Amino acid sequence: MRNVDRFNTKQFSRVSRNTKIIYQFAKYGSKGLSKVNPTLVFIDAVVSLGELFISYSNYRQVKEQNKQLKIEIKTLIKEFSNFKKSLELKEEKFKYELGQNSKLIEKELRNNRQKNEALKRAYEMAKDYFLNMKIEIELYKQNFPYNKEILEIEKKYYEVLSSYTEISLEYIGG
């Protein structure tokens, strides 16, 4: 882009010279023109016309640059609106995917809760079963303290109980 000097000092000095010439013409009338060199007036007029042409070409260039900038702004506005629309579409897509993923996660959590409840019930039932077995073994032990079968059953009971706790800890992750 080309910069245009708005404060052209050359033009200011030319205007002040022209003002002096006009002042002399107004003060002295046609006699004032005799004091002014006509060659200088002609050269000044030619220079003024050259500066006029340069100023007009600069004006046309700036006008064309403004036109191009307006076109570029319109293009950028269209690109921005298209980009905004694509982002809105992506946002809607992510919202939809988030909703679907949330439903899947909720379903998995529900299934896990149901599985955990079933395992918890089975664990509670096994606990009750082992407690009842222990009570029965102790009753038989009180009634028949030296019976080999009772001692054998008690030994198997403790083996089953220890394997059950090992399996429970392995399942829980302990």
Protein backbone atom coordinates (compact mmCIF):
# COMPACT_ATOMS: atom_id res chain seq x y z
CA MET A 1 0.00 0.00 0.00
CA ARG A 2 1.23 3.45 -0.83
CA ASN A 3 1.14 6.22 1.75
CA VAL A 4 -0.09 9.65 0.75
CA ASP A 5 1.46 12.69 2.43
CA ARG A 6 -1.46 14.84 3.59
CA PHE A 7 0.71 17.67 4.81
CA ASN A 8 2.58 18.46 1.60
CA THR A 9 4.90 21.37 2.50
CA LYS A 10 5.88 22.02 -1.15
CA GLN A 11 2.24 22.72 -1.97
CA PHE A 12 2.00 25.12 1.00
CA SER A 13 4.98 27.19 -0.19
CA ARG A 14 3.53 27.34 -3.74
CA VAL A 15 0.21 28.56 -2.38
CA SER A 16 1.94 31.31 -0.41
CA ARG A 17 3.77 32.46 -3.59
CA ASN A 18 0.48 32.51 -5.49
CA THR A 19 -1.08 34.50 -2.68
CA LYS A 20 1.69 37.11 -2.99
CA ILE A 21 1.10 37.36 -6.72
CA ILE A 22 -2.66 37.74 -6.25
CA TYR A 23 -2.06 40.33 -3.49
CA GLN A 24 0.24 42.36 -5.74
CA PHE A 25 -2.30 42.15 -8.58
CA ALA A 26 -5.09 43.28 -6.29
CA LYS A 27 -2.97 46.11 -4.79
CA TYR A 28 -1.43 47.53 -7.89
CA GLY A 29 -3.86 46.37 -10.54
CA SER A 30 -2.26 45.73 -13.94
CA LYS A 31 0.77 47.70 -12.81
CA GLY A 32 1.39 44.98 -10.23
CA LEU A 33 1.77 42.41 -12.99
CA SER A 34 4.58 44.43 -14.52
CA LYS A 35 6.55 44.04 -11.31
CA VAL A 36 6.04 40.27 -11.43
CA ASN A 37 8.20 38.32 -13.84
CA PRO A 38 5.85 36.66 -16.42
CA THR A 39 8.22 33.74 -16.87
CA LEU A 40 7.95 32.96 -13.20
CA VAL A 41 4.16 33.17 -13.39
CA PHE A 42 4.14 30.79 -16.38
CA ILE A 43 6.55 28.35 -14.69
CA ASP A 44 4.48 28.53 -11.51
CA ALA A 45 1.30 27.79 -13.51
CA VAL A 46 2.97 24.80 -15.21
CA VAL A 47 4.22 23.50 -11.86
CA SER A 48 0.73 23.97 -10.43
CA LEU A 49 -0.77 21.98 -13.31
CA GLY A 50 1.82 19.22 -12.76
CA GLU A 51 1.01 19.12 -9.06
CA LEU A 52 -2.69 19.07 -9.94
CA PHE A 53 -2.14 16.03 -12.18
CA ILE A 54 -0.06 14.28 -9.49
CA SER A 55 -2.68 15.04 -6.83
CA TYR A 56 -5.44 13.74 -9.11
CA SER A 57 -3.50 10.52 -9.84
CA ASN A 58 -2.87 10.10 -6.10
CA TYR A 59 -6.58 10.61 -5.49
CA ARG A 60 -7.44 7.95 -8.10
CA GLN A 61 -4.94 5.53 -6.52
CA VAL A 62 -6.40 6.07 -3.05
CA LYS A 63 -9.91 5.69 -4.44
CA GLU A 64 -8.92 2.39 -6.11
CA GLN A 65 -7.26 1.21 -2.89
CA ASN A 66 -10.45 2.03 -0.98
CA LYS A 67 -12.47 0.05 -3.52
CA GLN A 68 -10.12 -2.93 -3.17
CA LEU A 69 -10.24 -2.68 0.63
CA LYS A 70 -14.05 -2.66 0.57
CA ILE A 71 -14.03 -5.79 -1.61
CA GLU A 72 -11.53 -7.43 0.75
CA ILE A 73 -13.69 -6.51 3.77
CA LYS A 74 -16.75 -8.06 2.10
CA THR A 75 -14.76 -11.21 1.35
CA LEU A 76 -13.52 -11.40 4.94
CA ILE A 77 -17.06 -10.89 6.26
CA LYS A 78 -18.29 -13.78 4.09
CA GLU A 79 -15.39 -15.99 5.23
CA PHE A 80 -16.10 -15.10 8.83
CA SER A 81 -19.80 -15.93 8.50
CA ASN A 82 -18.95 -19.25 6.79
CA PHE A 83 -16.44 -20.05 9.53
CA LYS A 84 -19.03 -19.16 12.15
CA LYS A 85 -21.59 -21.47 10.50
CA SER A 86 -19.09 -24.33 10.38
CA LEU A 87 -18.26 -23.81 14.05
CA GLU A 88 -21.97 -23.83 14.90
CA LEU A 89 -22.37 -27.11 12.99
CA LYS A 90 -19.40 -28.61 14.84
CA GLU A 91 -20.88 -27.42 18.13
CA GLU A 92 -24.20 -29.10 17.33
CA LYS A 93 -22.36 -32.28 16.35
CA PHE A 94 -20.40 -32.28 19.63
CA LYS A 95 -23.58 -31.65 21.62
CA TYR A 96 -25.26 -34.58 19.90
CA GLU A 97 -22.24 -36.84 20.48
CA LEU A 98 -22.08 -35.71 24.10
CA GLY A 99 -25.74 -36.59 24.56
CA GLN A 100 -25.22 -40.02 23.01
CA ASN A 101 -22.12 -40.67 25.11
CA SER A 102 -23.95 -39.54 28.26
CA LYS A 103 -26.77 -42.00 27.53
CA LEU A 104 -24.26 -44.83 26.99
CA ILE A 105 -22.43 -44.01 30.21
CA GLU A 106 -25.68 -43.88 32.17
CA LYS A 107 -26.69 -47.25 30.72
CA GLU A 108 -23.31 -48.75 31.69
CA LEU A 109 -23.61 -47.32 35.20
CA ARG A 110 -27.10 -48.77 35.55
CA ASN A 111 -25.86 -52.18 34.38
CA ASN A 112 -22.91 -52.02 36.78
CA ARG A 113 -25.21 -51.10 39.66
CA GLN A 114 -27.44 -54.06 38.85
CA LYS A 115 -24.43 -56.38 38.67
CA ASN A 116 -23.06 -55.01 41.91
CA GLU A 117 -26.43 -55.45 43.62
CA ALA A 118 -26.59 -59.06 42.44
CA LEU A 119 -23.03 -59.68 43.64
CA LYS A 120 -23.78 -57.97 46.94
CA ARG A 121 -26.84 -60.20 47.46
CA ALA A 122 -24.81 -63.30 46.56
CA TYR A 123 -22.06 -62.21 48.94
CA GLU A 124 -24.57 -61.62 51.75
CA MET A 125 -26.16 -65.03 51.12
CA ALA A 126 -22.73 -66.71 51.16
CA LYS A 127 -21.90 -64.93 54.41
CA ASP A 128 -25.14 -66.14 55.99
CA TYR A 129 -24.49 -69.64 54.67
CA PHE A 130 -20.98 -69.71 56.16
CA LEU A 131 -22.22 -68.38 59.50
CA ASN A 132 -24.94 -71.08 59.62
CA MET A 133 -22.35 -73.73 58.76
CA LYS A 134 -20.06 -72.47 61.53
CA ILE A 135 -22.92 -72.59 64.05
CA GLU A 136 -23.85 -76.12 62.97
CA ILE A 137 -20.23 -77.29 63.20
CA GLU A 138 -19.85 -75.80 66.67
CA LEU A 139 -23.08 -77.52 67.82
CA TYR A 140 -21.87 -80.88 66.53
CA LYS A 141 -18.49 -80.23 68.13
CA GLN A 142 -20.15 -79.60 71.50
CA ASN A 143 -22.25 -82.75 71.19
CA PHE A 144 -19.47 -84.95 69.76
CA PRO A 145 -16.15 -83.34 70.71
CA TYR A 146 -13.85 -86.17 69.58
CA ASN A 147 -15.57 -87.25 66.39
CA LYS A 148 -13.12 -87.47 63.46
CA GLU A 149 -15.73 -86.58 60.86
CA ILE A 150 -16.58 -83.33 62.62
CA LEU A 151 -12.90 -82.38 62.76
CA GLU A 152 -12.60 -83.24 59.05
CA ILE A 153 -15.70 -81.14 58.22
CA GLU A 154 -14.33 -78.25 60.27
CA LYS A 155 -11.02 -78.45 58.43
CA LYS A 156 -12.83 -78.41 55.03
CA TYR A 157 -15.00 -75.52 56.24
CA TYR A 158 -11.92 -73.40 56.98
CA GLU A 159 -10.37 -74.32 53.62
CA VAL A 160 -13.56 -73.28 51.80
CA LEU A 161 -13.76 -70.09 53.86
CA SER A 162 -10.15 -69.13 53.10
CA SER A 163 -10.58 -69.85 49.37
CA TYR A 164 -13.81 -67.80 49.40
CA THR A 165 -12.02 -64.83 50.99
CA GLU A 166 -9.16 -65.15 48.49
CA ILE A 167 -11.61 -65.15 45.57
CA SER A 168 -13.51 -62.19 47.08
CA LEU A 169 -10.30 -60.20 47.54
CA GLU A 170 -9.16 -61.07 44.03
CA TYR A 171 -12.50 -59.97 42.60
CA ILE A 172 -12.57 -56.77 44.63
CA GLY A 173 -8.94 -56.09 43.76
CA GLY A 174 -7.41 -56.22 47.22
